[in-house]
N, C-alpha and C. Protein backbone atom coordinates (compact mmCIF):
# COMPACT_ATOMS: atom_id res chain seq x y z
N MET A 1 23.08 -49.88 63.71
CA MET A 1 22.18 -50.02 64.61
C MET A 1 20.79 -50.17 64.12
N PHE A 2 20.52 -49.52 62.85
CA PHE A 2 19.34 -49.94 62.03
C PHE A 2 19.00 -51.36 61.98
N ARG A 3 20.10 -51.87 61.66
CA ARG A 3 19.94 -53.63 61.42
C ARG A 3 19.54 -54.13 62.67
N LEU A 4 19.90 -53.65 63.82
CA LEU A 4 19.36 -54.13 65.11
C LEU A 4 17.72 -54.02 65.42
N LEU A 5 17.45 -52.85 64.86
CA LEU A 5 15.90 -52.56 64.94
C LEU A 5 15.28 -53.47 63.95
N VAL A 6 15.88 -53.64 62.79
CA VAL A 6 15.16 -54.44 61.90
C VAL A 6 15.12 -55.96 62.26
N ALA A 7 16.12 -56.12 62.97
CA ALA A 7 16.06 -57.60 63.53
C ALA A 7 14.99 -57.60 64.39
N GLY A 8 14.98 -56.82 65.44
CA GLY A 8 13.80 -56.76 66.44
C GLY A 8 12.58 -57.04 66.01
N CYS A 9 12.39 -56.15 64.75
CA CYS A 9 11.24 -56.29 63.74
C CYS A 9 10.72 -57.48 63.29
N VAL A 10 11.61 -57.91 62.84
CA VAL A 10 11.64 -59.50 62.14
C VAL A 10 11.12 -60.30 63.34
N LEU A 11 11.83 -60.31 64.26
CA LEU A 11 11.53 -61.10 65.45
C LEU A 11 10.06 -61.01 65.91
N ALA A 12 9.68 -59.92 65.86
CA ALA A 12 8.27 -59.61 66.28
C ALA A 12 7.28 -60.33 65.25
N LEU A 13 7.77 -60.07 63.86
CA LEU A 13 6.88 -60.76 62.97
C LEU A 13 7.02 -62.23 63.20
N VAL A 14 7.80 -62.83 63.48
CA VAL A 14 7.96 -64.05 63.74
C VAL A 14 6.78 -64.59 64.61
N ALA A 15 7.09 -63.92 65.81
CA ALA A 15 6.14 -63.92 66.68
C ALA A 15 4.56 -63.91 66.42
N PHE A 16 4.53 -62.92 65.60
CA PHE A 16 2.87 -62.83 64.93
C PHE A 16 2.74 -64.11 64.36
N ASN A 17 3.56 -64.71 63.43
CA ASN A 17 3.30 -65.88 62.74
C ASN A 17 2.89 -66.94 63.72
N ALA A 18 3.71 -67.23 64.73
CA ALA A 18 3.53 -68.25 65.66
C ALA A 18 2.25 -68.00 66.50
N GLY A 19 1.91 -66.85 66.93
CA GLY A 19 0.93 -66.30 67.64
C GLY A 19 -0.41 -66.80 66.62
N ALA A 20 -0.54 -66.50 65.26
CA ALA A 20 -1.50 -66.79 64.65
C ALA A 20 -1.84 -68.27 64.53
N GLU A 21 -0.77 -69.11 64.40
CA GLU A 21 -1.03 -70.50 64.38
C GLU A 21 -1.63 -70.93 65.89
N ASP A 22 -1.46 -70.03 67.17
CA ASP A 22 -2.00 -70.62 68.33
C ASP A 22 -3.41 -70.06 68.34
N LYS A 23 -4.17 -70.91 69.02
CA LYS A 23 -5.55 -70.75 69.10
C LYS A 23 -5.76 -69.48 70.03
N LYS A 24 -4.57 -69.51 71.08
CA LYS A 24 -5.10 -68.45 71.90
C LYS A 24 -4.57 -66.92 71.69
N ALA A 25 -5.61 -66.34 70.71
CA ALA A 25 -5.24 -65.06 70.18
C ALA A 25 -4.76 -63.92 71.06
N ASP A 26 -5.67 -64.01 72.30
CA ASP A 26 -5.37 -62.94 73.20
C ASP A 26 -3.96 -63.07 73.97
N LYS A 27 -3.22 -64.18 73.92
CA LYS A 27 -2.18 -64.45 74.48
C LYS A 27 -1.02 -64.04 73.50
N ALA A 28 -0.36 -63.10 74.00
CA ALA A 28 1.16 -62.69 73.17
C ALA A 28 2.19 -63.86 73.29
N ALA A 29 2.88 -64.11 72.26
CA ALA A 29 3.86 -65.13 72.14
C ALA A 29 5.30 -64.33 72.18
N THR A 30 6.15 -64.74 72.91
CA THR A 30 7.47 -63.91 72.87
C THR A 30 8.57 -64.73 72.25
N TRP A 31 9.44 -64.31 71.43
CA TRP A 31 10.45 -65.06 70.63
C TRP A 31 11.86 -64.22 70.89
N LEU A 32 12.67 -65.15 71.43
CA LEU A 32 13.97 -64.48 71.63
C LEU A 32 15.24 -65.11 70.85
N ARG A 33 16.32 -64.14 70.57
CA ARG A 33 17.49 -64.42 69.71
C ARG A 33 18.62 -63.64 70.27
N GLU A 34 19.78 -64.03 70.40
CA GLU A 34 20.97 -63.27 70.47
C GLU A 34 21.98 -63.37 69.32
N ALA A 35 22.13 -62.34 68.63
CA ALA A 35 23.22 -62.52 67.54
C ALA A 35 24.19 -61.32 67.41
N ASN A 36 25.63 -61.66 67.37
CA ASN A 36 26.36 -60.68 67.60
C ASN A 36 26.26 -59.58 68.54
N GLY A 37 26.01 -59.93 69.61
CA GLY A 37 26.01 -59.13 71.01
C GLY A 37 24.58 -58.30 71.12
N ILE A 38 23.80 -58.76 70.19
CA ILE A 38 22.47 -58.03 70.02
C ILE A 38 21.46 -59.04 70.62
N ASP A 39 20.71 -58.43 71.62
CA ASP A 39 19.66 -59.13 72.32
C ASP A 39 18.12 -58.83 71.30
N LEU A 40 17.47 -59.73 71.00
CA LEU A 40 16.35 -59.54 70.19
C LEU A 40 15.14 -60.20 71.10
N LYS A 41 14.16 -59.46 71.28
CA LYS A 41 12.83 -59.87 71.92
C LYS A 41 11.74 -59.24 71.40
N PHE A 42 10.90 -60.36 70.67
CA PHE A 42 9.80 -59.89 70.14
C PHE A 42 8.42 -60.44 70.65
N GLU A 43 7.53 -59.51 70.83
CA GLU A 43 6.19 -60.14 71.34
C GLU A 43 5.03 -59.53 70.54
N PHE A 44 4.07 -60.53 70.17
CA PHE A 44 3.26 -60.18 69.20
C PHE A 44 1.89 -60.88 69.53
N GLY A 45 0.90 -60.06 69.08
CA GLY A 45 -0.46 -60.63 69.37
C GLY A 45 -1.08 -61.18 68.10
N LYS A 46 -2.37 -60.83 67.93
CA LYS A 46 -3.08 -61.38 66.65
C LYS A 46 -2.42 -60.44 65.48
N ASP A 47 -2.45 -59.24 65.70
CA ASP A 47 -2.25 -58.49 64.39
C ASP A 47 -1.09 -57.40 64.59
N THR A 48 -0.61 -57.33 65.67
CA THR A 48 0.46 -56.29 66.33
C THR A 48 1.81 -57.08 66.92
N ALA A 49 2.88 -56.19 66.79
CA ALA A 49 4.03 -56.96 67.57
C ALA A 49 4.81 -55.75 67.96
N THR A 50 5.58 -56.02 69.04
CA THR A 50 6.61 -55.01 69.65
C THR A 50 7.97 -55.80 69.48
N PHE A 51 8.86 -54.98 68.91
CA PHE A 51 10.37 -55.59 68.66
C PHE A 51 11.20 -54.71 69.56
N ASN A 52 11.74 -55.42 70.66
CA ASN A 52 13.01 -55.02 71.26
C ASN A 52 14.24 -55.20 70.82
N VAL A 53 15.16 -54.50 70.46
CA VAL A 53 16.40 -54.74 69.93
C VAL A 53 17.43 -53.92 70.68
N PHE A 54 18.38 -54.65 71.32
CA PHE A 54 19.31 -53.95 72.68
C PHE A 54 20.70 -54.49 72.52
N SER A 55 21.60 -53.45 72.61
CA SER A 55 23.21 -53.89 72.80
C SER A 55 23.45 -53.25 74.04
N GLY A 56 23.32 -53.86 75.25
CA GLY A 56 23.70 -53.27 76.60
C GLY A 56 22.39 -52.51 76.99
N ASP A 57 22.52 -51.30 77.35
CA ASP A 57 21.56 -50.47 77.60
C ASP A 57 21.08 -49.61 76.54
N ASN A 58 21.74 -49.72 75.30
CA ASN A 58 21.23 -49.09 74.23
C ASN A 58 20.44 -49.65 73.25
N GLY A 59 19.23 -49.16 72.56
CA GLY A 59 18.38 -50.02 71.81
C GLY A 59 17.33 -49.34 71.29
N ILE A 60 16.41 -49.87 70.90
CA ILE A 60 15.12 -49.50 70.22
C ILE A 60 14.01 -50.37 70.68
N ILE A 61 12.92 -49.88 70.77
CA ILE A 61 11.48 -50.64 70.82
C ILE A 61 10.61 -50.03 69.66
N VAL A 62 10.13 -51.06 68.84
CA VAL A 62 9.28 -50.50 67.88
C VAL A 62 8.04 -51.42 67.67
N LYS A 63 7.03 -50.68 67.45
CA LYS A 63 5.75 -51.56 67.38
C LYS A 63 5.40 -51.44 66.19
N ALA A 64 4.71 -52.50 65.72
CA ALA A 64 4.29 -52.61 64.07
C ALA A 64 2.92 -53.18 64.05
N LYS A 65 2.41 -52.96 62.90
CA LYS A 65 1.02 -53.77 62.35
C LYS A 65 1.54 -54.78 61.52
N LEU A 66 0.90 -56.10 61.60
CA LEU A 66 1.57 -57.32 60.85
C LEU A 66 0.33 -57.73 59.95
N THR A 67 0.87 -58.12 58.75
CA THR A 67 0.13 -59.12 58.02
C THR A 67 0.87 -60.30 57.70
N LYS A 68 -0.07 -61.25 57.37
CA LYS A 68 0.57 -62.43 56.93
C LYS A 68 -0.12 -63.41 55.70
N GLU A 69 0.78 -63.55 54.80
CA GLU A 69 0.11 -64.44 53.79
C GLU A 69 1.17 -65.31 53.70
N LYS A 70 0.56 -66.83 53.85
CA LYS A 70 1.18 -68.08 53.59
C LYS A 70 2.45 -68.02 54.61
N ASP A 71 3.53 -68.08 54.31
CA ASP A 71 4.77 -68.14 55.33
C ASP A 71 5.51 -66.89 55.39
N VAL A 72 4.84 -65.79 54.71
CA VAL A 72 5.32 -64.36 54.49
C VAL A 72 4.87 -63.59 55.43
N VAL A 73 5.67 -62.76 56.27
CA VAL A 73 4.96 -61.83 57.31
C VAL A 73 5.52 -60.32 56.77
N THR A 74 4.41 -59.44 56.64
CA THR A 74 5.03 -58.02 56.40
C THR A 74 4.64 -57.33 57.73
N ALA A 75 5.68 -56.33 58.22
CA ALA A 75 5.33 -55.48 59.06
C ALA A 75 5.65 -54.08 58.60
N GLU A 76 4.59 -53.31 59.25
CA GLU A 76 4.55 -51.62 59.10
C GLU A 76 4.82 -51.22 60.36
N PHE A 77 5.99 -50.33 60.42
CA PHE A 77 6.32 -49.76 61.96
C PHE A 77 5.25 -48.76 62.11
N THR A 78 4.67 -48.80 63.41
CA THR A 78 3.96 -47.76 63.84
C THR A 78 4.42 -46.75 64.83
N ASP A 79 5.37 -47.23 65.73
CA ASP A 79 5.98 -46.23 66.56
C ASP A 79 7.38 -46.99 66.87
N VAL A 80 8.49 -45.87 67.08
CA VAL A 80 9.80 -46.03 67.26
C VAL A 80 10.23 -45.34 68.52
N GLU A 81 10.65 -45.98 69.39
CA GLU A 81 11.18 -45.45 70.77
C GLU A 81 12.73 -45.64 70.82
N GLU A 82 13.56 -44.70 71.07
CA GLU A 82 14.84 -45.04 71.27
C GLU A 82 15.24 -44.63 72.82
N LYS A 83 16.17 -45.93 73.14
CA LYS A 83 16.54 -46.00 74.51
C LYS A 83 18.08 -45.91 74.67
N GLY A 84 18.76 -44.74 75.21
CA GLY A 84 20.28 -44.65 75.10
C GLY A 84 20.49 -43.88 73.88
N SER A 85 21.66 -44.64 73.40
CA SER A 85 22.06 -44.08 71.81
C SER A 85 22.20 -45.24 70.85
N PHE A 86 21.01 -44.78 70.02
CA PHE A 86 20.88 -46.07 68.80
C PHE A 86 21.18 -45.23 67.62
N PRO A 87 22.12 -45.51 66.97
CA PRO A 87 22.72 -44.49 65.89
C PRO A 87 21.79 -44.40 64.62
N SER A 88 21.15 -45.77 64.25
CA SER A 88 20.56 -45.65 62.96
C SER A 88 19.40 -46.36 63.29
N LYS A 89 18.10 -45.65 63.47
CA LYS A 89 16.80 -46.43 64.02
C LYS A 89 16.07 -46.26 62.60
N PRO A 90 15.03 -46.97 62.48
CA PRO A 90 14.02 -47.07 61.56
C PRO A 90 13.03 -45.80 61.84
N LYS A 91 12.21 -45.83 60.75
CA LYS A 91 11.16 -44.49 61.00
C LYS A 91 9.55 -45.18 60.88
N LYS A 92 8.88 -44.67 61.44
CA LYS A 92 7.56 -44.76 61.49
C LYS A 92 6.95 -44.86 59.96
N GLY A 93 6.34 -45.92 59.53
CA GLY A 93 5.92 -46.14 58.34
C GLY A 93 6.89 -47.00 57.44
N ASP A 94 8.11 -47.26 57.86
CA ASP A 94 9.06 -48.25 57.18
C ASP A 94 8.29 -49.60 57.32
N LYS A 95 8.67 -50.60 56.28
CA LYS A 95 8.01 -51.87 56.20
C LYS A 95 9.49 -52.90 55.82
N ILE A 96 9.02 -53.97 56.58
CA ILE A 96 10.00 -55.10 56.12
C ILE A 96 9.03 -56.54 56.11
N SER A 97 9.66 -57.25 55.20
CA SER A 97 8.94 -58.50 55.12
C SER A 97 10.01 -59.70 55.28
N PHE A 98 9.49 -60.98 55.71
CA PHE A 98 10.41 -62.05 55.80
C PHE A 98 9.76 -63.45 55.76
N LYS A 99 10.31 -64.48 55.62
CA LYS A 99 9.73 -65.88 55.66
C LYS A 99 9.86 -66.42 57.00
N TRP A 100 8.79 -66.79 57.68
CA TRP A 100 8.77 -67.30 58.97
C TRP A 100 8.19 -68.48 59.04
N VAL A 101 8.95 -69.53 59.43
CA VAL A 101 8.68 -71.02 59.59
C VAL A 101 8.95 -71.41 60.95
N VAL A 102 7.78 -72.11 61.52
CA VAL A 102 7.59 -72.44 63.14
C VAL A 102 7.53 -73.86 63.04
N LYS A 103 8.63 -74.60 63.75
CA LYS A 103 8.48 -76.03 64.04
C LYS A 103 8.78 -76.09 65.68
N ASP A 104 7.81 -76.73 66.34
CA ASP A 104 7.99 -77.06 67.72
C ASP A 104 8.08 -75.73 68.22
N ALA A 105 9.15 -75.53 69.27
CA ALA A 105 9.51 -74.15 69.73
C ALA A 105 10.74 -73.33 69.09
N VAL A 106 10.91 -73.49 67.80
CA VAL A 106 12.06 -72.81 67.14
C VAL A 106 11.27 -72.43 65.82
N ALA A 107 11.49 -71.13 65.76
CA ALA A 107 11.10 -70.40 64.18
C ALA A 107 12.41 -69.99 63.47
N THR A 108 12.15 -70.14 62.18
CA THR A 108 13.29 -69.79 61.41
C THR A 108 12.89 -68.72 60.41
N LEU A 109 13.69 -67.46 60.53
CA LEU A 109 13.52 -66.26 59.87
C LEU A 109 14.64 -66.31 58.69
N SER A 110 14.07 -66.22 57.56
CA SER A 110 14.94 -66.24 56.45
C SER A 110 14.00 -65.03 55.17
N GLU A 111 14.75 -64.89 54.10
CA GLU A 111 14.28 -64.07 52.98
C GLU A 111 13.71 -62.67 53.38
N LEU A 112 14.50 -62.03 54.41
CA LEU A 112 14.47 -60.77 54.78
C LEU A 112 14.41 -59.77 53.77
N LYS A 113 13.37 -58.80 53.56
CA LYS A 113 13.46 -57.77 52.34
C LYS A 113 13.12 -56.43 53.09
N GLY A 114 13.94 -55.53 52.83
CA GLY A 114 13.32 -54.24 53.52
C GLY A 114 14.62 -53.68 54.41
N ALA A 115 15.55 -54.55 54.58
CA ALA A 115 16.36 -54.44 55.78
C ALA A 115 17.64 -55.30 55.54
N ASP A 116 18.37 -55.10 54.28
CA ASP A 116 19.56 -56.06 53.74
C ASP A 116 20.34 -55.62 54.73
N GLU A 117 20.99 -54.83 55.22
CA GLU A 117 22.03 -54.36 56.21
C GLU A 117 21.95 -55.23 57.39
N ALA A 118 20.73 -55.82 57.62
CA ALA A 118 20.47 -56.53 59.05
C ALA A 118 20.09 -57.88 59.03
N LYS A 119 20.34 -58.48 57.70
CA LYS A 119 20.20 -59.84 57.43
C LYS A 119 21.18 -61.01 58.29
N ASP A 120 22.42 -60.45 58.71
CA ASP A 120 23.16 -61.35 59.62
C ASP A 120 22.67 -61.28 61.09
N VAL A 121 21.93 -60.28 61.45
CA VAL A 121 21.77 -60.25 62.70
C VAL A 121 20.35 -60.94 62.80
N LEU A 122 19.32 -60.68 62.02
CA LEU A 122 17.88 -61.11 61.97
C LEU A 122 17.50 -62.35 61.72
N GLU A 123 18.32 -62.64 60.52
CA GLU A 123 17.92 -64.18 59.89
C GLU A 123 18.66 -65.22 60.66
N GLY A 124 17.83 -66.26 60.76
CA GLY A 124 18.44 -67.68 61.88
C GLY A 124 17.10 -68.02 62.61
N GLU A 125 17.53 -68.56 63.89
CA GLU A 125 16.60 -69.23 64.52
C GLU A 125 16.23 -68.48 65.64
N TYR A 126 14.95 -68.64 66.14
CA TYR A 126 14.51 -68.03 67.25
C TYR A 126 13.72 -68.82 68.18
N LYS A 127 13.88 -68.74 69.38
CA LYS A 127 13.33 -69.68 70.09
C LYS A 127 12.09 -69.02 71.07
N LEU A 128 11.12 -69.68 71.33
CA LEU A 128 10.07 -69.53 71.91
C LEU A 128 10.22 -69.31 73.38
N LYS A 129 9.84 -68.01 74.01
CA LYS A 129 9.94 -67.88 75.34
C LYS A 129 8.75 -68.82 76.16
N LYS A 130 8.86 -69.42 77.05
CA LYS A 130 8.09 -70.23 77.77
C LYS A 130 7.54 -69.69 79.14
């Protein structure tokens, strides 16, 4: 379950990157992905993100502070909320980083660090919610 949370966080970071490229800084961007029965929804603003990682009614909502350098996004978790039963959730203060590349309405997350056990869920393509 920790990897689900990490996946959510990564998506949020991805959303952050896309949002930084969008001149509409006050408008949040939302990125979606489904992987291995896990629904990922990431919403991000200029320098913050919210990651929703759910499997049915069970999941986590993680808020993070974001920084970006070139194509690499780093997220530091500032709040973690569990919904239902989520066995392995991240902690406030945990950090992850990943490479985020956006082309049109598709973003690719790769080179995830800090959550190796979540790579198969988090790494891959995300679609921009319109």
